[in-house]
N, C-alpha and C. Protein backbone atom coordinates (compact mmCIF):
# COMPACT_ATOMS: atom_id res chain seq x y z
N UNK A 1 21.57 262.30 250.01
CA UNK A 1 20.57 261.89 250.97
C UNK A 1 20.91 262.51 252.32
N UNK A 2 19.94 263.11 252.97
CA UNK A 2 20.18 263.75 254.26
C UNK A 2 20.30 262.69 255.35
N UNK A 3 21.01 262.99 256.45
CA UNK A 3 21.23 262.00 257.51
C UNK A 3 19.94 261.39 258.05
N UNK A 4 18.90 262.20 258.25
CA UNK A 4 17.65 261.66 258.80
C UNK A 4 17.01 260.68 257.81
N UNK A 5 17.00 261.04 256.55
CA UNK A 5 16.43 260.18 255.51
C UNK A 5 17.25 258.90 255.39
N UNK A 6 18.55 259.03 255.50
CA UNK A 6 19.43 257.87 255.40
C UNK A 6 19.16 256.90 256.55
N UNK A 7 18.98 257.42 257.76
CA UNK A 7 18.67 256.57 258.91
C UNK A 7 17.32 255.87 258.75
N UNK A 8 16.34 256.59 258.21
CA UNK A 8 15.02 255.99 257.97
C UNK A 8 15.13 254.86 256.95
N UNK A 9 15.89 255.08 255.89
CA UNK A 9 16.05 254.05 254.85
C UNK A 9 16.75 252.82 255.43
N UNK A 10 17.80 253.05 256.23
CA UNK A 10 18.51 251.92 256.85
C UNK A 10 17.59 251.18 257.82
N UNK A 11 16.79 251.91 258.58
CA UNK A 11 15.85 251.29 259.51
C UNK A 11 14.80 250.46 258.78
N UNK A 12 14.29 250.98 257.66
CA UNK A 12 13.30 250.25 256.88
C UNK A 12 13.91 248.98 256.28
N UNK A 13 15.14 249.09 255.78
CA UNK A 13 15.83 247.93 255.21
C UNK A 13 16.08 246.88 256.30
N UNK A 14 16.49 247.33 257.48
CA UNK A 14 16.72 246.39 258.59
C UNK A 14 15.41 245.73 259.00
N UNK A 15 14.33 246.50 259.09
CA UNK A 15 13.02 245.96 259.45
C UNK A 15 12.54 244.94 258.43
N UNK A 16 12.73 245.24 257.15
CA UNK A 16 12.35 244.32 256.10
C UNK A 16 13.16 243.02 256.18
N UNK A 17 14.45 243.14 256.46
CA UNK A 17 15.30 241.95 256.58
C UNK A 17 14.85 241.08 257.76
N UNK A 18 14.49 241.71 258.87
CA UNK A 18 13.99 240.96 260.04
C UNK A 18 12.68 240.27 259.70
N UNK A 19 11.78 240.96 259.00
CA UNK A 19 10.50 240.37 258.61
C UNK A 19 10.71 239.16 257.70
N UNK A 20 11.59 239.28 256.73
CA UNK A 20 11.89 238.16 255.82
C UNK A 20 12.46 237.00 256.61
N UNK A 21 13.34 237.25 257.54
CA UNK A 21 13.92 236.20 258.37
C UNK A 21 12.85 235.50 259.20
N UNK A 22 11.94 236.26 259.79
CA UNK A 22 10.85 235.67 260.58
C UNK A 22 9.96 234.81 259.69
N UNK A 23 9.60 235.30 258.51
CA UNK A 23 8.77 234.52 257.59
C UNK A 23 9.48 233.23 257.18
N UNK A 24 10.76 233.31 256.91
CA UNK A 24 11.53 232.13 256.56
C UNK A 24 11.53 231.11 257.70
N UNK A 25 11.69 231.59 258.91
CA UNK A 25 11.66 230.70 260.08
C UNK A 25 10.30 230.04 260.25
N UNK A 26 9.22 230.79 260.00
CA UNK A 26 7.87 230.22 260.09
C UNK A 26 7.69 229.13 259.04
N UNK A 27 8.14 229.38 257.81
CA UNK A 27 8.02 228.39 256.73
C UNK A 27 8.80 227.13 257.10
N UNK A 28 10.01 227.28 257.57
CA UNK A 28 10.83 226.12 257.97
C UNK A 28 10.16 225.39 259.12
N UNK A 29 9.62 226.12 260.10
CA UNK A 29 8.96 225.49 261.23
C UNK A 29 7.75 224.68 260.77
N UNK A 30 6.92 225.26 259.89
CA UNK A 30 5.74 224.55 259.39
C UNK A 30 6.17 223.30 258.63
N UNK A 31 7.20 223.42 257.80
CA UNK A 31 7.66 222.28 257.00
C UNK A 31 8.17 221.14 257.89
N UNK A 32 8.94 221.46 258.90
CA UNK A 32 9.53 220.43 259.74
C UNK A 32 8.64 219.95 260.88
N UNK A 33 7.67 220.75 261.29
CA UNK A 33 6.84 220.36 262.43
C UNK A 33 5.69 219.44 262.03
N UNK A 34 5.31 219.46 260.75
CA UNK A 34 4.18 218.65 260.31
C UNK A 34 2.84 219.24 260.71
N UNK A 35 2.78 220.49 261.09
CA UNK A 35 1.53 221.09 261.55
C UNK A 35 0.53 221.34 260.43
N UNK A 36 1.01 221.47 259.19
CA UNK A 36 0.08 221.70 258.09
C UNK A 36 -0.46 220.36 257.63
N UNK A 37 -1.79 220.22 257.68
CA UNK A 37 -2.44 218.97 257.31
C UNK A 37 -2.46 218.84 255.80
N UNK A 38 -1.81 217.81 255.26
CA UNK A 38 -1.75 217.62 253.82
C UNK A 38 -2.78 216.60 253.32
N UNK A 39 -3.67 216.16 254.19
CA UNK A 39 -4.68 215.16 253.83
C UNK A 39 -5.60 215.69 252.73
N UNK A 40 -5.92 214.85 251.76
CA UNK A 40 -6.83 215.22 250.68
C UNK A 40 -8.28 215.28 251.14
N UNK A 41 -8.55 214.85 252.37
CA UNK A 41 -9.91 214.90 252.90
C UNK A 41 -10.24 216.25 253.52
N UNK A 42 -9.25 217.12 253.61
CA UNK A 42 -9.46 218.46 254.17
C UNK A 42 -8.95 219.47 253.16
N UNK A 43 -9.79 220.43 252.79
CA UNK A 43 -9.39 221.44 251.82
C UNK A 43 -8.30 222.34 252.35
N UNK A 44 -7.66 223.04 251.43
CA UNK A 44 -6.62 223.99 251.81
C UNK A 44 -7.25 225.20 252.51
N UNK A 45 -6.46 225.87 253.32
CA UNK A 45 -6.87 227.13 253.91
C UNK A 45 -7.07 228.13 252.76
N UNK A 46 -7.98 229.10 252.91
CA UNK A 46 -8.27 230.02 251.80
C UNK A 46 -7.04 230.70 251.20
N UNK A 47 -6.11 231.16 252.02
CA UNK A 47 -4.91 231.83 251.50
C UNK A 47 -4.04 230.85 250.72
N UNK A 48 -3.92 229.63 251.20
CA UNK A 48 -3.13 228.61 250.50
C UNK A 48 -3.81 228.26 249.18
N UNK A 49 -5.13 228.06 249.19
CA UNK A 49 -5.87 227.74 247.97
C UNK A 49 -5.71 228.86 246.95
N UNK A 50 -5.88 230.11 247.38
CA UNK A 50 -5.74 231.25 246.48
C UNK A 50 -4.33 231.29 245.88
N UNK A 51 -3.33 231.08 246.71
CA UNK A 51 -1.94 231.11 246.25
C UNK A 51 -1.69 230.02 245.21
N UNK A 52 -2.16 228.80 245.49
CA UNK A 52 -1.93 227.69 244.56
C UNK A 52 -2.66 227.90 243.24
N UNK A 53 -3.94 228.31 243.29
CA UNK A 53 -4.73 228.51 242.08
C UNK A 53 -4.18 229.67 241.25
N UNK A 54 -3.87 230.77 241.91
CA UNK A 54 -3.35 231.94 241.21
C UNK A 54 -2.00 231.64 240.57
N UNK A 55 -1.13 230.96 241.30
CA UNK A 55 0.18 230.58 240.77
C UNK A 55 0.02 229.67 239.56
N UNK A 56 -0.86 228.67 239.66
CA UNK A 56 -1.07 227.73 238.56
C UNK A 56 -1.59 228.45 237.32
N UNK A 57 -2.62 229.28 237.47
CA UNK A 57 -3.21 229.96 236.32
C UNK A 57 -2.21 230.91 235.65
N UNK A 58 -1.47 231.66 236.45
CA UNK A 58 -0.48 232.59 235.89
C UNK A 58 0.70 231.85 235.26
N UNK A 59 1.11 230.76 235.86
CA UNK A 59 2.20 229.96 235.31
C UNK A 59 1.82 229.38 233.95
N UNK A 60 0.62 228.83 233.85
CA UNK A 60 0.15 228.25 232.59
C UNK A 60 0.04 229.36 231.53
N UNK A 61 -0.58 230.47 231.88
CA UNK A 61 -0.75 231.56 230.91
C UNK A 61 0.60 232.05 230.40
N UNK A 62 1.56 232.19 231.28
CA UNK A 62 2.88 232.67 230.91
C UNK A 62 3.59 231.69 229.97
N UNK A 63 3.54 230.41 230.30
CA UNK A 63 4.24 229.40 229.52
C UNK A 63 3.55 229.08 228.20
N UNK A 64 2.24 229.28 228.14
CA UNK A 64 1.49 228.98 226.92
C UNK A 64 1.46 230.16 225.95
N UNK A 65 1.91 231.30 226.39
CA UNK A 65 1.84 232.53 225.60
C UNK A 65 2.44 232.37 224.20
N UNK A 66 3.54 231.69 224.08
CA UNK A 66 4.25 231.57 222.80
C UNK A 66 3.71 230.45 221.90
N UNK A 67 2.75 229.68 222.39
CA UNK A 67 2.21 228.56 221.61
C UNK A 67 1.20 229.08 220.59
N UNK A 68 1.37 228.64 219.35
CA UNK A 68 0.44 229.00 218.28
C UNK A 68 -0.61 227.91 218.16
N UNK A 69 -1.86 228.30 218.29
CA UNK A 69 -2.96 227.35 218.20
C UNK A 69 -3.29 227.05 216.75
N UNK A 70 -3.27 225.78 216.36
CA UNK A 70 -3.63 225.45 214.97
C UNK A 70 -5.14 225.63 214.76
N UNK A 71 -5.54 225.67 213.54
CA UNK A 71 -6.97 225.71 213.22
C UNK A 71 -7.56 224.35 213.59
N UNK A 72 -8.52 224.35 214.49
CA UNK A 72 -9.10 223.08 214.96
C UNK A 72 -10.36 222.76 214.15
N UNK A 73 -10.46 221.49 213.73
CA UNK A 73 -11.58 221.09 212.88
C UNK A 73 -12.26 219.84 213.45
N UNK A 74 -13.34 219.45 212.79
CA UNK A 74 -14.13 218.30 213.24
C UNK A 74 -13.32 217.01 213.26
N UNK A 75 -12.39 216.87 212.31
CA UNK A 75 -11.54 215.68 212.27
C UNK A 75 -10.71 215.56 213.55
N UNK A 76 -10.16 216.69 213.99
CA UNK A 76 -9.36 216.71 215.22
C UNK A 76 -10.23 216.38 216.43
N UNK A 77 -11.44 216.94 216.45
CA UNK A 77 -12.36 216.69 217.56
C UNK A 77 -12.66 215.19 217.65
N UNK A 78 -12.97 214.58 216.52
CA UNK A 78 -13.28 213.15 216.49
C UNK A 78 -12.07 212.33 216.93
N UNK A 79 -10.89 212.68 216.44
CA UNK A 79 -9.67 211.95 216.82
C UNK A 79 -9.38 212.12 218.31
N UNK A 80 -9.63 213.30 218.84
CA UNK A 80 -9.36 213.56 220.26
C UNK A 80 -10.36 212.92 221.20
N UNK A 81 -11.56 212.64 220.71
CA UNK A 81 -12.62 212.07 221.56
C UNK A 81 -12.23 210.72 222.13
N UNK A 82 -11.66 209.87 221.32
CA UNK A 82 -11.31 208.53 221.77
C UNK A 82 -10.27 208.58 222.89
N UNK A 83 -9.23 209.39 222.67
CA UNK A 83 -8.20 209.51 223.71
C UNK A 83 -8.76 210.16 224.96
N UNK A 84 -9.59 211.19 224.79
CA UNK A 84 -10.19 211.84 225.96
C UNK A 84 -10.98 210.83 226.79
N UNK A 85 -11.82 210.06 226.12
CA UNK A 85 -12.67 209.10 226.85
C UNK A 85 -11.84 208.03 227.55
N UNK A 86 -10.73 207.63 226.97
CA UNK A 86 -9.93 206.57 227.60
C UNK A 86 -8.93 207.10 228.62
N UNK A 87 -8.49 208.36 228.48
CA UNK A 87 -7.44 208.88 229.36
C UNK A 87 -7.90 209.97 230.32
N UNK A 88 -8.93 210.70 229.98
CA UNK A 88 -9.29 211.90 230.73
C UNK A 88 -10.64 211.83 231.42
N UNK A 89 -11.58 211.10 230.83
CA UNK A 89 -12.95 211.08 231.32
C UNK A 89 -13.05 210.63 232.77
N UNK A 90 -12.23 209.67 233.18
CA UNK A 90 -12.35 209.17 234.55
C UNK A 90 -12.10 210.27 235.59
N UNK A 91 -11.27 211.26 235.25
CA UNK A 91 -11.03 212.37 236.17
C UNK A 91 -11.92 213.58 235.90
N UNK A 92 -12.15 213.89 234.61
CA UNK A 92 -12.84 215.13 234.25
C UNK A 92 -14.28 214.97 233.80
N UNK A 93 -14.75 213.73 233.65
CA UNK A 93 -16.13 213.53 233.22
C UNK A 93 -16.39 214.03 231.82
N UNK A 94 -17.64 214.20 231.49
CA UNK A 94 -18.06 214.69 230.18
C UNK A 94 -19.54 215.01 230.24
N UNK A 95 -20.12 215.48 229.16
CA UNK A 95 -21.56 215.78 229.17
C UNK A 95 -22.37 214.52 229.54
N UNK A 96 -23.04 214.58 230.67
CA UNK A 96 -23.83 213.45 231.16
C UNK A 96 -23.01 212.35 231.81
N UNK A 97 -21.70 212.55 231.96
CA UNK A 97 -20.84 211.54 232.56
C UNK A 97 -20.09 212.16 233.73
N UNK A 98 -20.31 211.59 234.90
CA UNK A 98 -19.59 212.06 236.09
C UNK A 98 -18.18 211.48 236.11
N UNK A 99 -17.31 212.15 236.80
CA UNK A 99 -15.96 211.61 236.98
C UNK A 99 -16.04 210.36 237.85
N UNK A 100 -15.01 209.55 237.80
CA UNK A 100 -14.97 208.34 238.61
C UNK A 100 -15.03 208.69 240.09
N UNK A 101 -15.56 207.78 240.86
CA UNK A 101 -15.70 208.01 242.30
C UNK A 101 -14.35 208.34 242.94
N UNK A 102 -13.31 207.62 242.58
CA UNK A 102 -12.00 207.85 243.19
C UNK A 102 -11.47 209.24 242.87
N UNK A 103 -11.82 209.81 241.71
CA UNK A 103 -11.34 211.14 241.34
C UNK A 103 -11.97 212.22 242.22
N UNK A 104 -13.17 211.95 242.74
CA UNK A 104 -13.82 212.93 243.63
C UNK A 104 -13.14 212.98 244.98
N UNK A 105 -12.23 212.06 245.26
CA UNK A 105 -11.47 212.07 246.50
C UNK A 105 -10.13 212.77 246.38
N UNK A 106 -9.84 213.35 245.21
CA UNK A 106 -8.57 214.03 245.00
C UNK A 106 -8.66 215.48 245.47
N UNK A 107 -7.52 216.03 245.89
CA UNK A 107 -7.45 217.45 246.25
C UNK A 107 -6.22 218.04 245.57
N UNK A 108 -6.37 218.94 244.65
CA UNK A 108 -7.65 219.50 244.23
C UNK A 108 -8.44 218.51 243.39
N UNK A 109 -9.76 218.59 243.51
CA UNK A 109 -10.62 217.72 242.71
C UNK A 109 -10.51 218.14 241.25
N UNK A 110 -10.31 217.19 240.35
CA UNK A 110 -10.22 217.55 238.93
C UNK A 110 -11.49 218.25 238.48
N UNK A 111 -11.35 219.33 237.72
CA UNK A 111 -12.54 220.07 237.30
C UNK A 111 -13.36 219.28 236.28
N UNK A 112 -14.68 219.46 236.32
CA UNK A 112 -15.56 218.89 235.30
C UNK A 112 -15.42 219.83 234.11
N UNK A 113 -14.68 219.40 233.10
CA UNK A 113 -14.28 220.29 232.01
C UNK A 113 -15.44 220.89 231.24
N UNK A 114 -16.55 220.18 231.15
CA UNK A 114 -17.72 220.73 230.46
C UNK A 114 -18.12 222.07 231.06
N UNK A 115 -17.95 222.20 232.39
CA UNK A 115 -18.36 223.41 233.09
C UNK A 115 -17.27 224.48 233.18
N UNK A 116 -15.99 224.08 233.07
CA UNK A 116 -14.90 225.01 233.37
C UNK A 116 -13.96 225.32 232.22
N UNK A 117 -14.03 224.59 231.12
CA UNK A 117 -13.03 224.75 230.07
C UNK A 117 -13.07 226.13 229.42
N UNK A 118 -14.21 226.81 229.47
CA UNK A 118 -14.32 228.13 228.85
C UNK A 118 -13.43 229.17 229.54
N UNK A 119 -12.90 228.84 230.70
CA UNK A 119 -11.99 229.75 231.41
C UNK A 119 -10.58 229.71 230.83
N UNK A 120 -10.31 228.77 229.93
CA UNK A 120 -8.97 228.56 229.40
C UNK A 120 -8.93 228.77 227.89
N UNK A 121 -7.80 229.20 227.39
CA UNK A 121 -7.57 229.31 225.96
C UNK A 121 -7.05 227.96 225.46
N UNK A 122 -7.28 227.64 224.17
CA UNK A 122 -6.81 226.36 223.64
C UNK A 122 -5.32 226.12 223.87
N UNK A 123 -4.49 227.13 223.69
CA UNK A 123 -3.04 226.94 223.90
C UNK A 123 -2.72 226.60 225.35
N UNK A 124 -3.53 227.11 226.29
CA UNK A 124 -3.34 226.79 227.70
C UNK A 124 -3.75 225.35 227.99
N UNK A 125 -4.85 224.91 227.38
CA UNK A 125 -5.30 223.53 227.54
C UNK A 125 -4.25 222.58 226.98
N UNK A 126 -3.71 222.92 225.80
CA UNK A 126 -2.65 222.13 225.20
C UNK A 126 -1.46 222.03 226.16
N UNK A 127 -1.03 223.18 226.70
CA UNK A 127 0.12 223.21 227.61
C UNK A 127 -0.16 222.34 228.84
N UNK A 128 -1.35 222.46 229.42
CA UNK A 128 -1.71 221.66 230.59
C UNK A 128 -1.66 220.17 230.29
N UNK A 129 -2.22 219.76 229.15
CA UNK A 129 -2.22 218.34 228.80
C UNK A 129 -0.81 217.85 228.51
N UNK A 130 -0.01 218.68 227.89
CA UNK A 130 1.35 218.27 227.53
C UNK A 130 2.26 218.18 228.75
N UNK A 131 2.16 219.15 229.66
CA UNK A 131 3.11 219.24 230.78
C UNK A 131 2.54 218.81 232.13
N UNK A 132 1.22 218.71 232.28
CA UNK A 132 0.63 218.31 233.55
C UNK A 132 0.78 219.39 234.62
N UNK A 133 0.35 219.06 235.83
CA UNK A 133 0.45 219.99 236.96
C UNK A 133 1.00 219.21 238.15
N UNK A 134 2.11 219.65 238.66
CA UNK A 134 2.73 218.99 239.81
C UNK A 134 1.78 218.91 241.00
N UNK A 135 1.88 217.83 241.72
CA UNK A 135 1.17 217.61 242.98
C UNK A 135 -0.34 217.81 242.87
N UNK A 136 -0.91 217.54 241.69
CA UNK A 136 -2.34 217.67 241.53
C UNK A 136 -2.98 216.39 241.00
N UNK A 137 -2.18 215.46 240.53
CA UNK A 137 -2.69 214.26 239.91
C UNK A 137 -2.84 214.40 238.41
N UNK A 138 -2.64 215.62 237.86
CA UNK A 138 -2.73 215.84 236.41
C UNK A 138 -1.41 215.43 235.78
N UNK A 139 -1.42 214.31 235.01
CA UNK A 139 -0.17 213.84 234.42
C UNK A 139 0.25 214.67 233.22
N UNK A 140 1.51 214.55 232.88
CA UNK A 140 2.06 215.17 231.67
C UNK A 140 1.96 214.14 230.55
N UNK A 141 1.17 214.43 229.52
CA UNK A 141 1.03 213.51 228.39
C UNK A 141 2.07 213.76 227.31
N UNK A 142 2.84 214.84 227.41
CA UNK A 142 3.87 215.14 226.42
C UNK A 142 4.91 214.05 226.24
N UNK A 143 5.38 213.41 227.31
CA UNK A 143 6.39 212.36 227.13
C UNK A 143 5.86 211.12 226.40
N UNK A 144 4.55 210.92 226.37
CA UNK A 144 4.00 209.69 225.78
C UNK A 144 3.10 209.94 224.57
N UNK A 145 2.86 211.19 224.24
CA UNK A 145 1.96 211.52 223.14
C UNK A 145 2.57 212.62 222.27
N UNK A 146 2.26 212.57 220.99
CA UNK A 146 2.75 213.59 220.06
C UNK A 146 1.96 214.89 220.26
N UNK A 147 2.53 215.98 219.78
CA UNK A 147 1.80 217.24 219.83
C UNK A 147 0.49 217.15 219.06
N UNK A 148 0.48 216.45 217.93
CA UNK A 148 -0.76 216.29 217.16
C UNK A 148 -1.84 215.61 217.99
N UNK A 149 -1.46 214.55 218.71
CA UNK A 149 -2.44 213.85 219.55
C UNK A 149 -2.96 214.77 220.66
N UNK A 150 -2.08 215.56 221.23
CA UNK A 150 -2.50 216.48 222.30
C UNK A 150 -3.37 217.59 221.74
N UNK A 151 -3.08 218.07 220.53
CA UNK A 151 -3.96 219.07 219.91
C UNK A 151 -5.33 218.48 219.61
N UNK A 152 -5.37 217.19 219.23
CA UNK A 152 -6.67 216.55 218.99
C UNK A 152 -7.50 216.52 220.27
N UNK A 153 -6.87 216.15 221.37
CA UNK A 153 -7.56 216.13 222.66
C UNK A 153 -8.02 217.55 223.01
N UNK A 154 -7.15 218.52 222.78
CA UNK A 154 -7.49 219.92 223.05
C UNK A 154 -8.71 220.34 222.23
N UNK A 155 -8.73 219.98 220.95
CA UNK A 155 -9.87 220.34 220.10
C UNK A 155 -11.15 219.73 220.65
N UNK A 156 -11.08 218.49 221.10
CA UNK A 156 -12.27 217.84 221.67
C UNK A 156 -12.70 218.54 222.96
N UNK A 157 -11.75 218.80 223.83
CA UNK A 157 -12.05 219.43 225.12
C UNK A 157 -12.68 220.81 224.92
N UNK A 158 -12.20 221.57 223.95
CA UNK A 158 -12.74 222.91 223.72
C UNK A 158 -14.19 222.87 223.23
N UNK A 159 -14.62 221.74 222.69
CA UNK A 159 -16.01 221.59 222.22
C UNK A 159 -16.95 221.09 223.32
N UNK A 160 -16.42 220.62 224.43
CA UNK A 160 -17.26 220.03 225.47
C UNK A 160 -18.40 220.92 225.96
N UNK A 161 -18.19 222.22 226.20
CA UNK A 161 -19.29 223.02 226.75
C UNK A 161 -20.56 223.04 225.91
N UNK A 162 -20.47 222.99 224.60
CA UNK A 162 -21.66 223.03 223.77
C UNK A 162 -22.17 221.66 223.36
N UNK A 163 -21.54 220.61 223.87
CA UNK A 163 -21.86 219.24 223.45
C UNK A 163 -23.00 218.67 224.29
N UNK A 164 -23.95 218.02 223.63
CA UNK A 164 -25.04 217.36 224.35
C UNK A 164 -24.58 215.98 224.83
N UNK A 165 -25.35 215.40 225.72
CA UNK A 165 -25.03 214.05 226.21
C UNK A 165 -25.04 213.05 225.06
N UNK A 166 -26.00 213.17 224.16
CA UNK A 166 -26.07 212.25 223.01
C UNK A 166 -24.88 212.42 222.08
N UNK A 167 -24.48 213.66 221.83
CA UNK A 167 -23.31 213.89 220.97
C UNK A 167 -22.06 213.29 221.61
N UNK A 168 -21.93 213.51 222.91
CA UNK A 168 -20.77 212.97 223.62
C UNK A 168 -20.76 211.44 223.55
N UNK A 169 -21.91 210.85 223.76
CA UNK A 169 -22.02 209.38 223.74
C UNK A 169 -21.77 208.82 222.34
N UNK A 170 -21.98 209.61 221.31
CA UNK A 170 -21.82 209.10 219.94
C UNK A 170 -20.36 208.88 219.55
N UNK A 171 -19.44 209.52 220.26
CA UNK A 171 -18.02 209.30 219.98
C UNK A 171 -17.60 207.93 220.49
N UNK A 172 -16.73 207.28 219.74
CA UNK A 172 -16.27 205.94 220.13
C UNK A 172 -15.52 205.97 221.46
N UNK A 173 -15.57 204.83 222.15
CA UNK A 173 -14.82 204.66 223.39
C UNK A 173 -13.63 203.77 223.08
N UNK A 174 -12.64 203.82 223.93
CA UNK A 174 -11.45 202.99 223.72
C UNK A 174 -10.26 203.87 223.49
N UNK A 175 -9.21 203.33 222.93
CA UNK A 175 -8.02 204.12 222.70
C UNK A 175 -7.58 203.98 221.26
N UNK A 176 -7.53 205.13 220.57
CA UNK A 176 -7.06 205.12 219.19
C UNK A 176 -5.56 204.98 219.15
N UNK A 177 -4.92 205.33 220.23
CA UNK A 177 -3.48 205.18 220.32
C UNK A 177 -3.19 204.33 221.54
N UNK A 178 -2.48 203.31 221.38
CA UNK A 178 -2.24 202.37 222.48
C UNK A 178 -1.08 202.84 223.33
N UNK A 179 -1.38 203.75 224.25
CA UNK A 179 -0.34 204.29 225.13
C UNK A 179 -0.46 203.72 226.55
N UNK A 180 -1.35 202.81 226.76
CA UNK A 180 -1.45 202.18 228.08
C UNK A 180 -2.10 203.03 229.13
N UNK A 181 -2.97 203.99 228.76
CA UNK A 181 -3.64 204.82 229.76
C UNK A 181 -5.05 204.33 229.96
């Protein structure tokens, strides 16, 4: 490496180190000053929202990659309907059913799965239901439910987009598994 090139490389490395230090100081200042409003009544800034959504989607896709999706059938859909209605409907709604009023006050607001589930693969939905999402209100059902139960819910959720209000209403309400949700 020639002396001029070496000096440029050292200068760039020093500049990068200073930039990282400044960014670290800004993060620490924001964390300790309380200047970032964490209220659920005010949405995130666009860059923060993009960062959180992008991180969540990529994290789920990466972790769900190794999961093998079983063949989903009508029996699984029927079995998953009861648990979905008792554990998930209040946050995510269903065909012809709005989410509970209190869920609309959450940030991020839980998605209406009938409209958004097509963006996810079944293995990703399974992973989300099993592990939950930190700081979002989405609980992890893995500690309290078997993989079979979570696959049943996944099978039901994956059918939501094509389901009519009458079909949705025809599934029983209540809890087929008494997990206290």
